[in-house]
Amino acid sequence: MFNAGDEVEIIGCEDDPRAKGKKGRIIDEVPPGPLTGGRWTVNRISIFIAPVLCHTHELRATGR
């Protein structure tokens, strides 16, 4: 489970494969639901990559 502001490493992303291997921050205040298809919103990935939606198994907590 993640919280808003948690830094994560994206280990895979159906939404935008360019995000794979990059780090970003979770922006969701609540756990993902049906509106996002059960995916977390990750932002601050890159200047060239907009926020992406990732499943829990596509993310790894960085501990920061």
N, C-alpha and C. Protein backbone atom coordinates (compact mmCIF):
# COMPACT_ATOMS: atom_id res chain seq x y z
N MET A 1 0.85 -1.17 0.00
CA MET A 1 0.00 0.00 0.00
C MET A 1 0.90 1.24 0.00
N PHE A 2 0.50 2.22 -0.75
CA PHE A 2 1.25 3.46 -0.85
C PHE A 2 0.44 4.62 -0.29
N ASN A 3 1.13 5.71 0.03
CA ASN A 3 0.50 6.93 0.51
C ASN A 3 0.91 8.09 -0.39
N ALA A 4 0.10 9.15 -0.39
CA ALA A 4 0.44 10.34 -1.17
C ALA A 4 1.82 10.84 -0.77
N GLY A 5 2.64 11.15 -1.76
CA GLY A 5 3.98 11.66 -1.51
C GLY A 5 5.06 10.59 -1.48
N ASP A 6 4.69 9.31 -1.42
CA ASP A 6 5.69 8.24 -1.42
C ASP A 6 6.46 8.22 -2.73
N GLU A 7 7.78 8.08 -2.64
CA GLU A 7 8.59 7.93 -3.84
C GLU A 7 8.61 6.46 -4.23
N VAL A 8 8.40 6.19 -5.52
CA VAL A 8 8.39 4.82 -6.02
C VAL A 8 9.24 4.70 -7.28
N GLU A 9 9.72 3.49 -7.52
CA GLU A 9 10.39 3.19 -8.78
C GLU A 9 9.39 2.44 -9.64
N ILE A 10 9.30 2.83 -10.88
CA ILE A 10 8.35 2.21 -11.80
C ILE A 10 9.08 1.05 -12.48
N ILE A 11 8.64 -0.18 -12.19
CA ILE A 11 9.31 -1.35 -12.76
C ILE A 11 8.60 -1.85 -14.02
N GLY A 12 7.49 -1.25 -14.32
CA GLY A 12 6.73 -1.55 -15.54
C GLY A 12 5.53 -0.62 -15.56
N CYS A 13 5.04 -0.29 -16.75
CA CYS A 13 3.89 0.62 -16.82
C CYS A 13 3.16 0.43 -18.15
N GLU A 14 1.97 -0.14 -18.08
CA GLU A 14 1.15 -0.31 -19.28
C GLU A 14 0.75 1.04 -19.87
N ASP A 15 0.52 2.02 -19.00
CA ASP A 15 0.05 3.34 -19.41
C ASP A 15 1.07 4.06 -20.29
N ASP A 16 2.35 4.00 -19.92
CA ASP A 16 3.41 4.64 -20.70
C ASP A 16 4.73 3.89 -20.47
N PRO A 17 5.10 3.01 -21.38
CA PRO A 17 6.31 2.20 -21.21
C PRO A 17 7.59 3.02 -21.02
N ARG A 18 7.60 4.29 -21.43
CA ARG A 18 8.79 5.13 -21.25
C ARG A 18 9.10 5.38 -19.78
N ALA A 19 8.11 5.19 -18.90
CA ALA A 19 8.29 5.44 -17.47
C ALA A 19 9.05 4.32 -16.77
N LYS A 20 9.17 3.17 -17.41
CA LYS A 20 9.85 2.02 -16.80
C LYS A 20 11.28 2.39 -16.40
N GLY A 21 11.64 2.06 -15.15
CA GLY A 21 12.98 2.32 -14.65
C GLY A 21 13.16 3.70 -14.04
N LYS A 22 12.15 4.53 -14.12
CA LYS A 22 12.23 5.88 -13.56
C LYS A 22 11.57 5.94 -12.19
N LYS A 23 11.84 7.02 -11.46
CA LYS A 23 11.22 7.23 -10.16
C LYS A 23 10.20 8.34 -10.24
N GLY A 24 9.20 8.27 -9.39
CA GLY A 24 8.17 9.29 -9.33
C GLY A 24 7.54 9.29 -7.95
N ARG A 25 6.49 10.09 -7.79
CA ARG A 25 5.80 10.18 -6.50
C ARG A 25 4.32 9.87 -6.67
N ILE A 26 3.78 9.12 -5.72
CA ILE A 26 2.35 8.82 -5.68
C ILE A 26 1.60 10.11 -5.34
N ILE A 27 0.52 10.39 -6.07
CA ILE A 27 -0.25 11.60 -5.77
C ILE A 27 -1.64 11.29 -5.23
N ASP A 28 -2.02 10.02 -5.20
CA ASP A 28 -3.35 9.64 -4.70
C ASP A 28 -3.44 9.78 -3.19
N GLU A 29 -4.50 10.40 -2.72
CA GLU A 29 -4.75 10.55 -1.29
C GLU A 29 -5.44 9.31 -0.70
N VAL A 30 -6.09 8.54 -1.56
CA VAL A 30 -6.79 7.32 -1.13
C VAL A 30 -6.38 6.17 -2.05
N PRO A 31 -6.56 4.92 -1.60
CA PRO A 31 -6.23 3.78 -2.46
C PRO A 31 -7.01 3.86 -3.78
N PRO A 32 -6.42 3.35 -4.86
CA PRO A 32 -7.09 3.43 -6.16
C PRO A 32 -8.39 2.63 -6.18
N GLY A 33 -9.31 3.11 -6.99
CA GLY A 33 -10.62 2.47 -7.10
C GLY A 33 -11.02 2.26 -8.54
N PRO A 34 -12.30 2.08 -8.79
CA PRO A 34 -12.79 1.78 -10.14
C PRO A 34 -12.53 2.89 -11.16
N LEU A 35 -12.48 4.14 -10.73
CA LEU A 35 -12.26 5.25 -11.66
C LEU A 35 -10.92 5.13 -12.38
N THR A 36 -9.89 4.66 -11.67
CA THR A 36 -8.56 4.51 -12.28
C THR A 36 -8.25 3.06 -12.63
N GLY A 37 -9.23 2.19 -12.51
CA GLY A 37 -9.01 0.78 -12.83
C GLY A 37 -8.08 0.11 -11.81
N GLY A 38 -8.08 0.60 -10.58
CA GLY A 38 -7.24 0.03 -9.54
C GLY A 38 -5.78 0.41 -9.65
N ARG A 39 -5.49 1.48 -10.39
CA ARG A 39 -4.10 1.90 -10.60
C ARG A 39 -3.78 3.17 -9.82
N TRP A 40 -2.52 3.28 -9.41
CA TRP A 40 -2.02 4.46 -8.69
C TRP A 40 -1.59 5.52 -9.69
N THR A 41 -1.76 6.78 -9.34
CA THR A 41 -1.30 7.89 -10.16
C THR A 41 0.10 8.28 -9.70
N VAL A 42 1.06 8.24 -10.62
CA VAL A 42 2.45 8.58 -10.31
C VAL A 42 2.84 9.81 -11.11
N ASN A 43 3.41 10.81 -10.43
CA ASN A 43 3.78 12.09 -11.03
C ASN A 43 5.26 12.35 -10.77
N ARG A 44 5.77 13.45 -11.31
CA ARG A 44 7.17 13.87 -11.15
C ARG A 44 8.14 12.81 -11.66
N ILE A 45 7.82 12.26 -12.81
CA ILE A 45 8.66 11.22 -13.40
C ILE A 45 9.74 11.86 -14.26
N SER A 46 9.32 12.73 -15.16
CA SER A 46 10.22 13.37 -16.10
C SER A 46 9.51 14.57 -16.71
N ILE A 47 10.28 15.50 -17.19
CA ILE A 47 9.70 16.66 -17.87
C ILE A 47 8.96 16.23 -19.14
N PHE A 48 9.35 15.09 -19.70
CA PHE A 48 8.76 14.61 -20.95
C PHE A 48 7.66 13.57 -20.76
N ILE A 49 7.42 13.14 -19.50
CA ILE A 49 6.42 12.11 -19.23
C ILE A 49 5.37 12.68 -18.28
N ALA A 50 4.12 12.70 -18.74
CA ALA A 50 3.01 13.18 -17.92
C ALA A 50 2.72 12.16 -16.81
N PRO A 51 1.91 12.52 -15.82
CA PRO A 51 1.55 11.54 -14.80
C PRO A 51 0.99 10.28 -15.44
N VAL A 52 1.33 9.13 -14.85
CA VAL A 52 0.91 7.84 -15.39
C VAL A 52 0.11 7.07 -14.34
N LEU A 53 -0.66 6.10 -14.81
CA LEU A 53 -1.41 5.21 -13.94
C LEU A 53 -0.71 3.85 -13.95
N CYS A 54 -0.38 3.33 -12.76
CA CYS A 54 0.34 2.06 -12.65
C CYS A 54 -0.33 1.16 -11.63
N HIS A 55 -0.36 -0.14 -11.95
CA HIS A 55 -0.85 -1.14 -11.00
C HIS A 55 0.18 -1.29 -9.88
N THR A 56 -0.27 -1.77 -8.74
CA THR A 56 0.61 -1.96 -7.58
C THR A 56 1.81 -2.83 -7.92
N HIS A 57 1.60 -3.90 -8.71
CA HIS A 57 2.71 -4.80 -9.05
C HIS A 57 3.73 -4.15 -10.00
N GLU A 58 3.41 -2.99 -10.55
CA GLU A 58 4.34 -2.28 -11.44
C GLU A 58 5.20 -1.27 -10.69
N LEU A 59 5.00 -1.16 -9.38
CA LEU A 59 5.70 -0.17 -8.56
C LEU A 59 6.50 -0.81 -7.45
N ARG A 60 7.60 -0.18 -7.08
CA ARG A 60 8.43 -0.62 -5.97
C ARG A 60 8.73 0.60 -5.10
N ALA A 61 8.47 0.49 -3.80
CA ALA A 61 8.78 1.59 -2.87
C ALA A 61 10.29 1.76 -2.79
N THR A 62 10.74 3.02 -2.76
CA THR A 62 12.17 3.28 -2.68
C THR A 62 12.64 3.49 -1.26
N GLY A 63 11.72 3.63 -0.32
CA GLY A 63 12.09 3.81 1.07
C GLY A 63 12.40 5.24 1.44
N ARG A 64 12.09 6.18 0.59
CA ARG A 64 12.33 7.60 0.88
C ARG A 64 11.07 8.31 1.17
